[in-house]
N, C-alpha and C. Protein backbone atom coordinates (compact mmCIF):
# COMPACT_ATOMS: atom_id res chain seq x y z
N UNK A 1 -16.65 5.57 4.81
CA UNK A 1 -16.84 5.81 3.26
C UNK A 1 -18.14 6.29 3.50
N UNK A 2 -18.73 7.54 2.87
CA UNK A 2 -19.60 7.65 2.54
C UNK A 2 -20.58 6.86 1.10
N UNK A 3 -21.38 6.90 0.75
CA UNK A 3 -22.19 6.14 -0.45
C UNK A 3 -21.81 6.57 -1.81
N UNK A 4 -21.29 5.78 -2.72
CA UNK A 4 -20.92 6.37 -3.68
C UNK A 4 -22.33 5.88 -4.88
N UNK A 5 -21.96 7.20 -5.43
CA UNK A 5 -22.80 6.79 -6.68
C UNK A 5 -22.53 6.67 -7.98
N UNK A 6 -23.00 6.10 -9.26
CA UNK A 6 -22.47 5.66 -10.22
C UNK A 6 -22.10 7.06 -11.12
N UNK A 7 -22.42 8.22 -10.84
CA UNK A 7 -22.03 9.09 -11.58
C UNK A 7 -21.69 10.06 -10.75
N UNK A 8 -20.88 10.04 -9.55
CA UNK A 8 -20.32 10.79 -9.18
C UNK A 8 -19.31 11.69 -9.76
N UNK A 9 -18.98 12.65 -9.57
CA UNK A 9 -17.71 13.47 -9.64
C UNK A 9 -17.26 14.05 -9.26
N UNK A 10 -15.33 13.83 -8.27
CA UNK A 10 -14.71 14.56 -7.64
C UNK A 10 -13.59 15.10 -8.40
N UNK A 11 -12.75 15.51 -7.31
CA UNK A 11 -11.48 16.07 -7.55
C UNK A 11 -10.89 14.96 -8.02
N UNK A 12 -9.93 15.02 -8.97
CA UNK A 12 -9.30 13.63 -9.38
C UNK A 12 -8.43 13.56 -8.63
N UNK A 13 -7.66 14.55 -8.08
CA UNK A 13 -6.39 14.53 -6.73
C UNK A 13 -6.72 13.97 -5.52
N UNK A 14 -8.18 13.72 -5.31
CA UNK A 14 -8.40 13.90 -3.53
C UNK A 14 -8.30 12.49 -3.75
N UNK A 15 -8.00 12.27 -1.87
CA UNK A 15 -8.09 10.60 -1.53
C UNK A 15 -9.40 10.09 -2.41
N UNK A 16 -10.31 11.00 -1.81
CA UNK A 16 -11.72 9.89 -2.19
C UNK A 16 -12.10 9.94 -3.73
N UNK A 17 -11.30 10.81 -4.43
CA UNK A 17 -11.55 9.89 -5.79
C UNK A 17 -10.59 8.61 -6.07
N UNK A 18 -9.50 9.07 -5.78
CA UNK A 18 -8.43 7.61 -5.46
C UNK A 18 -9.49 6.63 -5.32
N UNK A 19 -9.93 6.07 -3.88
CA UNK A 19 -10.47 5.73 -3.27
C UNK A 19 -11.70 5.13 -4.50
N UNK A 20 -12.40 5.87 -5.21
CA UNK A 20 -13.34 5.65 -5.73
C UNK A 20 -12.99 4.80 -6.96
N UNK A 21 -12.13 5.38 -7.34
CA UNK A 21 -11.37 4.29 -8.84
C UNK A 21 -11.11 3.10 -8.09
N UNK A 22 -10.27 2.96 -7.15
CA UNK A 22 -9.68 1.84 -6.85
C UNK A 22 -11.28 0.84 -6.72
N UNK A 23 -11.98 1.29 -5.94
CA UNK A 23 -13.46 0.38 -5.63
C UNK A 23 -13.77 -0.07 -6.87
N UNK A 24 -13.93 1.04 -8.55
CA UNK A 24 -14.26 0.66 -9.27
C UNK A 24 -13.54 -0.29 -9.71
N UNK A 25 -12.45 -0.54 -9.98
CA UNK A 25 -10.74 -1.34 -9.71
C UNK A 25 -11.30 -2.87 -9.33
N UNK A 26 -11.67 -3.10 -8.25
CA UNK A 26 -12.06 -3.60 -7.94
C UNK A 26 -13.08 -4.56 -8.54
N UNK A 27 -14.25 -4.16 -8.67
CA UNK A 27 -15.43 -4.38 -9.03
C UNK A 27 -15.72 -4.83 -10.35
N UNK A 28 -14.90 -3.81 -10.93
CA UNK A 28 -13.68 -4.59 -12.45
C UNK A 28 -13.43 -5.75 -12.54
N UNK A 29 -12.29 -6.31 -11.33
CA UNK A 29 -12.04 -7.15 -11.71
C UNK A 29 -12.35 -8.54 -11.24
N UNK A 30 -14.14 -7.88 -10.50
CA UNK A 30 -15.23 -8.91 -10.04
C UNK A 30 -16.05 -9.57 -11.20
N UNK A 31 -16.24 -8.73 -12.22
CA UNK A 31 -16.57 -8.97 -13.81
C UNK A 31 -18.40 -7.80 -13.42
N UNK A 32 -17.53 -6.90 -12.54
CA UNK A 32 -18.75 -5.82 -12.43
C UNK A 32 -18.59 -4.66 -12.36
N UNK A 33 -19.83 -3.83 -12.22
CA UNK A 33 -19.51 -2.29 -11.96
C UNK A 33 -20.56 -1.82 -10.59
N UNK A 34 -19.94 -0.26 -10.58
CA UNK A 34 -21.52 -0.15 -9.52
C UNK A 34 -22.49 -0.10 -9.89
N UNK A 35 -23.17 0.55 -11.05
CA UNK A 35 -24.18 0.20 -11.23
C UNK A 35 -25.02 -1.10 -11.98
N UNK A 36 -24.31 -2.23 -11.78
CA UNK A 36 -24.45 -3.31 -11.88
C UNK A 36 -24.49 -3.95 -10.30
N UNK A 37 -24.02 -3.37 -9.54
CA UNK A 37 -23.71 -4.00 -8.23
C UNK A 37 -24.94 -3.43 -7.78
N UNK A 38 -25.64 -2.65 -7.61
CA UNK A 38 -26.75 -1.81 -7.38
C UNK A 38 -27.59 -2.84 -7.37
N UNK A 39 -27.57 -3.79 -8.61
CA UNK A 39 -29.00 -4.06 -8.84
C UNK A 39 -29.09 -5.73 -7.88
N UNK A 40 -27.72 -6.46 -6.92
CA UNK A 40 -27.76 -7.31 -6.17
C UNK A 40 -29.20 -7.19 -5.58
N UNK A 41 -28.25 -8.39 -4.87
CA UNK A 41 -29.52 -8.42 -3.50
C UNK A 41 -28.72 -7.59 -2.39
N UNK A 42 -29.92 -7.45 -1.38
CA UNK A 42 -29.05 -6.30 -0.55
C UNK A 42 -27.70 -6.79 0.28
N UNK A 43 -27.66 -8.43 0.39
CA UNK A 43 -26.72 -8.75 1.41
C UNK A 43 -25.36 -9.41 0.64
N UNK A 44 -25.88 -9.35 -0.82
CA UNK A 44 -24.68 -9.89 -1.42
C UNK A 44 -23.67 -8.79 -1.69
N UNK A 45 -24.75 -7.57 -2.42
CA UNK A 45 -24.05 -6.38 -2.64
C UNK A 45 -23.37 -5.32 -1.42
N UNK A 46 -24.34 -5.73 0.30
CA UNK A 46 -23.12 -5.32 1.01
C UNK A 46 -22.05 -6.32 1.27
N UNK A 47 -21.78 -7.52 1.41
CA UNK A 47 -20.51 -7.92 0.64
C UNK A 47 -19.58 -7.77 -0.04
N UNK A 48 -20.22 -7.81 -1.46
CA UNK A 48 -19.06 -7.04 -2.76
C UNK A 48 -18.52 -5.65 -2.08
N UNK A 49 -19.22 -4.69 -1.59
CA UNK A 49 -18.73 -3.47 -1.14
C UNK A 49 -17.92 -3.26 -0.09
N UNK A 50 -18.02 -4.14 1.02
CA UNK A 50 -17.15 -4.78 2.15
C UNK A 50 -15.84 -4.67 1.84
N UNK A 51 -15.46 -5.83 0.49
CA UNK A 51 -14.64 -6.61 -0.06
C UNK A 51 -13.95 -5.70 -0.67
N UNK A 52 -14.89 -4.33 -1.73
CA UNK A 52 -14.54 -3.17 -2.24
C UNK A 52 -13.33 -2.36 -2.03
N UNK A 53 -14.55 -2.12 -0.61
CA UNK A 53 -14.28 -0.67 0.32
C UNK A 53 -12.42 -1.13 0.80
N UNK A 54 -12.08 -2.60 1.11
CA UNK A 54 -11.42 -3.07 1.96
C UNK A 54 -10.07 -2.72 1.00
N UNK A 55 -10.51 -3.53 -0.51
CA UNK A 55 -9.44 -3.35 -1.23
C UNK A 55 -8.70 -1.80 -1.59
N UNK A 56 -9.65 -1.25 -1.44
CA UNK A 56 -9.73 0.32 -1.57
C UNK A 56 -8.47 1.02 -0.58
N UNK A 57 -9.02 0.45 0.42
CA UNK A 57 -8.24 1.03 1.91
C UNK A 57 -6.64 0.38 1.34
N UNK A 58 -6.94 -0.43 1.19
CA UNK A 58 -4.72 -1.26 0.77
C UNK A 58 -4.32 -0.59 0.03
N UNK A 59 -4.95 -0.33 -0.94
CA UNK A 59 -4.43 0.45 -2.25
C UNK A 59 -3.66 1.29 -1.45
N UNK A 60 -4.91 2.85 -1.34
CA UNK A 60 -4.39 3.78 -0.25
C UNK A 60 -3.95 3.90 0.27
N UNK A 61 -3.10 2.77 1.08
CA UNK A 61 -2.24 2.42 2.04
C UNK A 61 -1.13 2.40 1.10
N UNK A 62 -1.10 1.57 -0.06
CA UNK A 62 0.50 1.94 -0.25
C UNK A 62 0.30 3.21 -1.34
N UNK A 63 -0.09 3.67 -1.50
CA UNK A 63 -0.03 5.01 -2.90
C UNK A 63 0.77 5.86 -1.60
N UNK A 64 -0.08 5.75 -0.24
CA UNK A 64 0.80 6.73 1.25
C UNK A 64 2.46 6.11 1.11
N UNK A 65 2.37 4.95 1.20
CA UNK A 65 3.51 4.15 1.77
C UNK A 65 4.55 4.69 0.52
N UNK A 66 4.16 4.15 -1.02
CA UNK A 66 5.30 5.00 -1.73
C UNK A 66 5.17 6.36 -1.97
N UNK A 67 3.93 6.85 -1.44
CA UNK A 67 4.53 8.77 -1.25
C UNK A 67 5.96 8.99 -0.14
N UNK A 68 5.44 7.96 1.13
CA UNK A 68 6.69 8.24 1.85
C UNK A 68 8.25 7.74 1.66
N UNK A 69 7.88 7.20 0.75
CA UNK A 69 9.62 6.53 1.02
C UNK A 69 9.87 5.21 2.00
N UNK A 70 10.53 4.51 1.13
CA UNK A 70 10.91 3.37 2.04
C UNK A 70 11.69 3.60 3.05
N UNK A 71 12.35 4.72 3.16
CA UNK A 71 13.09 5.12 4.72
C UNK A 71 12.10 6.21 5.69
N UNK A 72 11.13 5.94 5.56
CA UNK A 72 10.05 7.14 6.26
C UNK A 72 9.91 6.02 7.92
N UNK A 73 9.71 6.56 8.54
CA UNK A 73 9.35 5.67 9.89
C UNK A 73 8.66 5.00 9.75
N UNK A 74 7.26 6.07 9.41
CA UNK A 74 5.74 5.41 9.20
C UNK A 74 5.78 3.77 8.16
N UNK A 75 6.67 4.17 7.30
CA UNK A 75 6.57 2.71 6.17
C UNK A 75 7.63 1.99 6.32
N UNK A 76 9.32 2.46 7.24
CA UNK A 76 10.52 1.02 7.65
C UNK A 76 10.07 0.14 8.70
N UNK A 77 9.33 0.75 9.72
CA UNK A 77 8.95 0.00 11.30
C UNK A 77 7.95 -1.12 10.44
N UNK A 78 7.24 -0.90 9.50
CA UNK A 78 6.33 -2.39 9.41
C UNK A 78 6.93 -3.42 8.44
N UNK A 79 8.06 -2.81 7.49
CA UNK A 79 8.76 -4.21 6.99
C UNK A 79 9.70 -4.28 7.35
N UNK A 80 10.21 -4.23 8.56
CA UNK A 80 10.82 -4.74 8.87
C UNK A 80 10.89 -5.62 10.21
């Protein structure tokens, strides 16, 4: 994942845009925003963003699994 700036604008249907939304969602749940996170000490910012990116990746995987449907081999193999 590349750097995310607080004012980034992406195609609203792209995976990158969705990833950005999930990162913002995670940060909001942690009581902060991307803009505020930039003011954290480097180590704290890095830890927070690693968790945010992991959260976003899991949410993107959920979206992909939902699009494929429960009987698709790539989905059902992981849940049986």
